[in-house]
PDB file of all heavy atoms in Angstrom:
ATOM      1  N   ALA A   1     127.765 116.810  86.141  1.00  0.00           N
ATOM      2  CA  ALA A   1     128.360 117.829  87.011  1.00  0.00           C
ATOM      3  C   ALA A   1     127.655 119.173  86.850  1.00  0.00           C
ATOM      4  O   ALA A   1     127.337 119.849  87.836  1.00  0.00           O
ATOM      5  CB  ALA A   1     129.855 117.965  86.707  1.00  0.00           C
ATOM      6  N   ALA A   2     127.403 119.558  85.593  1.00  0.00           N
ATOM      7  CA  ALA A   2     126.731 120.835  85.342  1.00  0.00           C
ATOM      8  C   ALA A   2     125.311 120.814  85.896  1.00  0.00           C
ATOM      9  O   ALA A   2     124.840 121.796  86.483  1.00  0.00           O
ATOM     10  CB  ALA A   2     126.716 121.130  83.849  1.00  0.00           C
ATOM     11  N   LEU A   3     124.627 119.678  85.714  1.00  0.00           N
ATOM     12  CA  LEU A   3     123.266 119.560  86.221  1.00  0.00           C
ATOM     13  C   LEU A   3     123.249 119.676  87.741  1.00  0.00           C
ATOM     14  O   LEU A   3     122.440 120.419  88.311  1.00  0.00           O
ATOM     15  CB  LEU A   3     122.665 118.229  85.781  1.00  0.00           C
ATOM     16  CG  LEU A   3     121.265 117.947  86.304  1.00  0.00           C
ATOM     17  CD1 LEU A   3     120.250 118.790  85.549  1.00  0.00           C
ATOM     18  CD2 LEU A   3     120.919 116.470  86.170  1.00  0.00           C
ATOM     19  N   SER A   4     124.149 118.957  88.407  1.00  0.00           N
ATOM     20  CA  SER A   4     124.196 118.994  89.871  1.00  0.00           C
ATOM     21  C   SER A   4     124.453 120.399  90.382  1.00  0.00           C
ATOM     22  O   SER A   4     123.848 120.846  91.363  1.00  0.00           O
ATOM     23  CB  SER A   4     125.276 118.042  90.384  1.00  0.00           C
ATOM     24  OG  SER A   4     124.970 116.704  90.054  1.00  0.00           O
ATOM     25  N   ALA A   5     125.349 121.113  89.702  1.00  0.00           N
ATOM     26  CA  ALA A   5     125.665 122.478  90.123  1.00  0.00           C
ATOM     27  C   ALA A   5     124.444 123.387  89.987  1.00  0.00           C
ATOM     28  O   ALA A   5     124.148 124.181  90.891  1.00  0.00           O
ATOM     29  CB  ALA A   5     126.833 123.011  89.305  1.00  0.00           C
ATOM     30  N   GLN A   6     123.724 123.268  88.874  1.00  0.00           N
ATOM     31  CA  GLN A   6     122.544 124.113  88.666  1.00  0.00           C
ATOM     32  C   GLN A   6     121.432 123.770  89.650  1.00  0.00           C
ATOM     33  O   GLN A   6     120.775 124.660  90.200  1.00  0.00           O
ATOM     34  CB  GLN A   6     122.031 123.948  87.229  1.00  0.00           C
ATOM     35  CG  GLN A   6     122.914 124.609  86.192  1.00  0.00           C
ATOM     36  CD  GLN A   6     122.094 125.415  85.189  1.00  0.00           C
ATOM     37  OE1 GLN A   6     121.142 126.088  85.549  1.00  0.00           O
ATOM     38  NE2 GLN A   6     122.497 125.333  83.934  1.00  0.00           N
ATOM     39  N   VAL A   7     121.212 122.485  89.869  1.00  0.00           N
ATOM     40  CA  VAL A   7     120.157 122.075  90.801  1.00  0.00           C
ATOM     41  C   VAL A   7     120.478 122.551  92.205  1.00  0.00           C
ATOM     42  O   VAL A   7     119.621 123.092  92.916  1.00  0.00           O
ATOM     43  CB  VAL A   7     119.968 120.548  90.766  1.00  0.00           C
ATOM     44  CG1 VAL A   7     119.021 120.098  91.884  1.00  0.00           C
ATOM     45  CG2 VAL A   7     119.422 120.109  89.414  1.00  0.00           C
ATOM     46  N   ALA A   8     121.716 122.349  92.623  1.00  0.00           N
ATOM     47  CA  ALA A   8     122.108 122.743  93.977  1.00  0.00           C
ATOM     48  C   ALA A   8     121.992 124.243  94.189  1.00  0.00           C
ATOM     49  O   ALA A   8     121.708 124.709  95.298  1.00  0.00           O
ATOM     50  CB  ALA A   8     123.540 122.282  94.254  1.00  0.00           C
ATOM     51  N   ALA A   9     122.194 125.019  93.126  1.00  0.00           N
ATOM     52  CA  ALA A   9     122.159 126.476  93.255  1.00  0.00           C
ATOM     53  C   ALA A   9     120.747 127.043  93.236  1.00  0.00           C
ATOM     54  O   ALA A   9     120.532 128.175  93.688  1.00  0.00           O
ATOM     55  CB  ALA A   9     122.977 127.109  92.124  1.00  0.00           C
ATOM     56  N   SER A  10     119.783 126.281  92.719  1.00  0.00           N
ATOM     57  CA  SER A  10     118.462 126.879  92.498  1.00  0.00           C
ATOM     58  C   SER A  10     117.299 126.131  93.123  1.00  0.00           C
ATOM     59  O   SER A  10     116.276 126.734  93.449  1.00  0.00           O
ATOM     60  CB  SER A  10     118.197 126.981  90.986  1.00  0.00           C
ATOM     61  OG  SER A  10     118.268 125.704  90.373  1.00  0.00           O
ATOM     62  N   LEU A  11     117.432 124.828  93.297  1.00  0.00           N
ATOM     63  CA  LEU A  11     116.305 124.011  93.736  1.00  0.00           C
ATOM     64  C   LEU A  11     116.493 123.567  95.179  1.00  0.00           C
ATOM     65  O   LEU A  11     117.551 123.063  95.535  1.00  0.00           O
ATOM     66  CB  LEU A  11     116.173 122.789  92.815  1.00  0.00           C
ATOM     67  CG  LEU A  11     115.052 121.803  93.123  1.00  0.00           C
ATOM     68  CD1 LEU A  11     113.701 122.480  93.032  1.00  0.00           C
ATOM     69  CD2 LEU A  11     115.125 120.611  92.169  1.00  0.00           C
ATOM     70  N   ARG A  12     115.479 123.757  95.992  1.00  0.00           N
ATOM     71  CA  ARG A  12     115.584 123.410  97.403  1.00  0.00           C
ATOM     72  C   ARG A  12     114.598 122.335  97.848  1.00  0.00           C
ATOM     73  O   ARG A  12     114.913 121.524  98.708  1.00  0.00           O
ATOM     74  CB  ARG A  12     115.345 124.665  98.259  1.00  0.00           C
ATOM     75  CG  ARG A  12     116.399 125.752  98.092  1.00  0.00           C
ATOM     76  CD  ARG A  12     117.721 125.343  98.715  1.00  0.00           C
ATOM     77  NE  ARG A  12     118.724 126.380  98.614  1.00  0.00           N
ATOM     78  CZ  ARG A  12     119.583 126.509  97.616  1.00  0.00           C
ATOM     79  NH1 ARG A  12     119.553 125.632  96.617  1.00  0.00           N
ATOM     80  NH2 ARG A  12     120.457 127.488  97.582  1.00  0.00           N
ATOM     81  N   VAL A  13     113.399 122.335  97.287  1.00  0.00           N
ATOM     82  CA  VAL A  13     112.345 121.443  97.779  1.00  0.00           C
ATOM     83  C   VAL A  13     111.621 120.799  96.596  1.00  0.00           C
ATOM     84  O   VAL A  13     111.476 121.416  95.533  1.00  0.00           O
ATOM     85  CB  VAL A  13     111.343 122.213  98.671  1.00  0.00           C
ATOM     86  CG1 VAL A  13     110.138 121.352  99.032  1.00  0.00           C
ATOM     87  CG2 VAL A  13     112.034 122.709  99.938  1.00  0.00           C
ATOM     88  N   VAL A  14     111.161 119.566  96.799  1.00  0.00           N
ATOM     89  CA  VAL A  14     110.385 118.837  95.798  1.00  0.00           C
ATOM     90  C   VAL A  14     109.099 118.349  96.454  1.00  0.00           C
ATOM     91  O   VAL A  14     109.135 117.756  97.537  1.00  0.00           O
ATOM     92  CB  VAL A  14     111.160 117.645  95.224  1.00  0.00           C
ATOM     93  CG1 VAL A  14     110.377 117.013  94.073  1.00  0.00           C
ATOM     94  CG2 VAL A  14     112.549 118.061  94.762  1.00  0.00           C
ATOM     95  N   VAL A  15     107.972 118.611  95.787  1.00  0.00           N
ATOM     96  CA  VAL A  15     106.664 118.172  96.282  1.00  0.00           C
ATOM     97  C   VAL A  15     106.129 117.122  95.319  1.00  0.00           C
ATOM     98  O   VAL A  15     106.089 117.345  94.104  1.00  0.00           O
ATOM     99  CB  VAL A  15     105.680 119.355  96.377  1.00  0.00           C
ATOM    100  CG1 VAL A  15     104.338 118.883  96.955  1.00  0.00           C
ATOM    101  CG2 VAL A  15     106.262 120.476  97.219  1.00  0.00           C
ATOM    102  N   GLY A  16     105.724 115.978  95.858  1.00  0.00           N
ATOM    103  CA  GLY A  16     105.244 114.882  95.021  1.00  0.00           C
ATOM    104  C   GLY A  16     103.731 114.755  95.026  1.00  0.00           C
ATOM    105  O   GLY A  16     103.101 114.763  96.086  1.00  0.00           O
ATOM    106  N   MET A  17     103.151 114.642  93.818  1.00  0.00           N
ATOM    107  CA  MET A  17     101.714 114.403  93.664  1.00  0.00           C
ATOM    108  C   MET A  17     101.494 112.968  93.186  1.00  0.00           C
ATOM    109  O   MET A  17     102.325 112.394  92.484  1.00  0.00           O
ATOM    110  CB  MET A  17     101.111 115.375  92.651  1.00  0.00           C
ATOM    111  CG  MET A  17     101.087 116.820  93.094  1.00  0.00           C
ATOM    112  SD  MET A  17      99.920 117.102  94.445  1.00  0.00           S
ATOM    113  CE  MET A  17      98.348 116.830  93.607  1.00  0.00           C
ATOM    114  N   ARG A  18     100.352 112.423  93.574  1.00  0.00           N
ATOM    115  CA  ARG A  18     100.028 111.049  93.166  1.00  0.00           C
ATOM    116  C   ARG A  18      98.571 110.956  92.749  1.00  0.00           C
ATOM    117  O   ARG A  18      97.707 111.591  93.343  1.00  0.00           O
ATOM    118  CB  ARG A  18     100.287 110.074  94.321  1.00  0.00           C
ATOM    119  CG  ARG A  18     100.008 108.621  93.962  1.00  0.00           C
ATOM    120  CD  ARG A  18     100.224 107.706  95.149  1.00  0.00           C
ATOM    121  NE  ARG A  18      99.869 106.335  94.838  1.00  0.00           N
ATOM    122  CZ  ARG A  18      99.798 105.352  95.719  1.00  0.00           C
ATOM    123  NH1 ARG A  18     100.083 105.599  96.991  1.00  0.00           N
ATOM    124  NH2 ARG A  18      99.450 104.133  95.359  1.00  0.00           N
ATOM    125  N   ARG A  19      98.348 110.163  91.724  1.00  0.00           N
ATOM    126  CA  ARG A  19      96.987 109.830  91.306  1.00  0.00           C
ATOM    127  C   ARG A  19      96.682 108.422  91.804  1.00  0.00           C
ATOM    128  O   ARG A  19      97.334 107.453  91.411  1.00  0.00           O
ATOM    129  CB  ARG A  19      96.878 109.902  89.788  1.00  0.00           C
ATOM    130  CG  ARG A  19      95.520 109.508  89.249  1.00  0.00           C
ATOM    131  CD  ARG A  19      95.500 109.702  87.750  1.00  0.00           C
ATOM    132  NE  ARG A  19      94.277 109.192  87.162  1.00  0.00           N
ATOM    133  CZ  ARG A  19      93.988 109.285  85.872  1.00  0.00           C
ATOM    134  NH1 ARG A  19      94.834 109.885  85.060  1.00  0.00           N
ATOM    135  NH2 ARG A  19      92.870 108.806  85.389  1.00  0.00           N
ATOM    136  N   TYR A  20      95.680 108.305  92.660  1.00  0.00           N
ATOM    137  CA  TYR A  20      95.348 107.033  93.292  1.00  0.00           C
ATOM    138  C   TYR A  20      94.423 106.212  92.384  1.00  0.00           C
ATOM    139  O   TYR A  20      93.763 106.754  91.490  1.00  0.00           O
ATOM    140  CB  TYR A  20      94.697 107.277  94.652  1.00  0.00           C
ATOM    141  CG  TYR A  20      95.625 107.925  95.647  1.00  0.00           C
ATOM    142  CD1 TYR A  20      95.674 109.313  95.781  1.00  0.00           C
ATOM    143  CD2 TYR A  20      96.475 107.158  96.431  1.00  0.00           C
ATOM    144  CE1 TYR A  20      96.538 109.914  96.679  1.00  0.00           C
ATOM    145  CE2 TYR A  20      97.344 107.752  97.340  1.00  0.00           C
ATOM    146  CZ  TYR A  20      97.371 109.128  97.455  1.00  0.00           C
ATOM    147  OH  TYR A  20      98.238 109.723  98.337  1.00  0.00           O
ATOM    148  N   PRO A  21      94.350 104.884  92.606  1.00  0.00           N
ATOM    149  CA  PRO A  21      93.529 104.028  91.740  1.00  0.00           C
ATOM    150  C   PRO A  21      92.063 104.439  91.660  1.00  0.00           C
ATOM    151  O   PRO A  21      91.409 104.208  90.650  1.00  0.00           O
ATOM    152  CB  PRO A  21      93.688 102.642  92.389  1.00  0.00           C
ATOM    153  CG  PRO A  21      95.023 102.688  93.056  1.00  0.00           C
ATOM    154  CD  PRO A  21      95.152 104.093  93.561  1.00  0.00           C
ATOM    155  N   ASP A  22      91.528 105.042  92.731  1.00  0.00           N
ATOM    156  CA  ASP A  22      90.120 105.443  92.718  1.00  0.00           C
ATOM    157  C   ASP A  22      89.889 106.797  92.053  1.00  0.00           C
ATOM    158  O   ASP A  22      88.769 107.314  92.051  1.00  0.00           O
ATOM    159  CB  ASP A  22      89.547 105.464  94.136  1.00  0.00           C
ATOM    160  CG  ASP A  22      90.261 106.468  95.046  1.00  0.00           C
ATOM    161  OD1 ASP A  22      91.171 107.170  94.574  1.00  0.00           O
ATOM    162  OD2 ASP A  22      89.901 106.533  96.246  1.00  0.00           O
ATOM    163  N   GLY A  23      90.958 107.386  91.478  1.00  0.00           N
ATOM    164  CA  GLY A  23      90.828 108.651  90.768  1.00  0.00           C
ATOM    165  C   GLY A  23      91.197 109.872  91.586  1.00  0.00           C
ATOM    166  O   GLY A  23      91.340 110.969  91.038  1.00  0.00           O
ATOM    167  N   ARG A  24      91.345 109.712  92.907  1.00  0.00           N
ATOM    168  CA  ARG A  24      91.735 110.852  93.738  1.00  0.00           C
ATOM    169  C   ARG A  24      93.158 111.277  93.407  1.00  0.00           C
ATOM    170  O   ARG A  24      93.991 110.470  93.012  1.00  0.00           O
ATOM    171  CB  ARG A  24      91.660 110.491  95.223  1.00  0.00           C
ATOM    172  CG  ARG A  24      90.278 110.291  95.768  1.00  0.00           C
ATOM    173  CD  ARG A  24      90.342 109.965  97.267  1.00  0.00           C
ATOM    174  NE  ARG A  24      91.132 108.767  97.536  1.00  0.00           N
ATOM    175  CZ  ARG A  24      92.303 108.764  98.185  1.00  0.00           C
ATOM    176  NH1 ARG A  24      92.829 109.904  98.617  1.00  0.00           N
ATOM    177  NH2 ARG A  24      92.949 107.623  98.394  1.00  0.00           N
ATOM    178  N   ARG A  25      93.415 112.580  93.596  1.00  0.00           N
ATOM    179  CA  ARG A  25      94.751 113.118  93.417  1.00  0.00           C
ATOM    180  C   ARG A  25      95.146 113.849  94.686  1.00  0.00           C
ATOM    181  O   ARG A  25      94.309 114.526  95.288  1.00  0.00           O
ATOM    182  CB  ARG A  25      94.804 114.082  92.215  1.00  0.00           C
ATOM    183  CG  ARG A  25      94.471 113.437  90.879  1.00  0.00           C
ATOM    184  CD  ARG A  25      94.211 114.474  89.821  1.00  0.00           C
ATOM    185  NE  ARG A  25      94.045 113.908  88.499  1.00  0.00           N
ATOM    186  CZ  ARG A  25      92.928 113.390  88.025  1.00  0.00           C
ATOM    187  NH1 ARG A  25      91.850 113.372  88.792  1.00  0.00           N
ATOM    188  NH2 ARG A  25      92.868 112.892  86.805  1.00  0.00           N
ATOM    189  N   GLY A  26      96.399 113.732  95.066  1.00  0.00           N
ATOM    190  CA  GLY A  26      96.794 114.416  96.285  1.00  0.00           C
ATOM    191  C   GLY A  26      98.298 114.457  96.481  1.00  0.00           C
ATOM    192  O   GLY A  26      99.063 113.739  95.814  1.00  0.00           O
ATOM    193  N   VAL A  27      98.729 115.334  97.385  1.00  0.00           N
ATOM    194  CA  VAL A  27     100.144 115.398  97.756  1.00  0.00           C
ATOM    195  C   VAL A  27     100.493 114.103  98.467  1.00  0.00           C
ATOM    196  O   VAL A  27      99.837 113.700  99.425  1.00  0.00           O
ATOM    197  CB  VAL A  27     100.422 116.608  98.665  1.00  0.00           C
ATOM    198  CG1 VAL A  27     101.897 116.629  99.071  1.00  0.00           C
ATOM    199  CG2 VAL A  27     100.049 117.907  97.955  1.00  0.00           C
TER     200      VAL A  27
END
């Protein structure tokens, strides 16, 4: 409950990065 309240009050967006098998990295 405390975690959900803090996240909801402060965090709006999440950006995901990935490392591909060939070594490339990207959003």
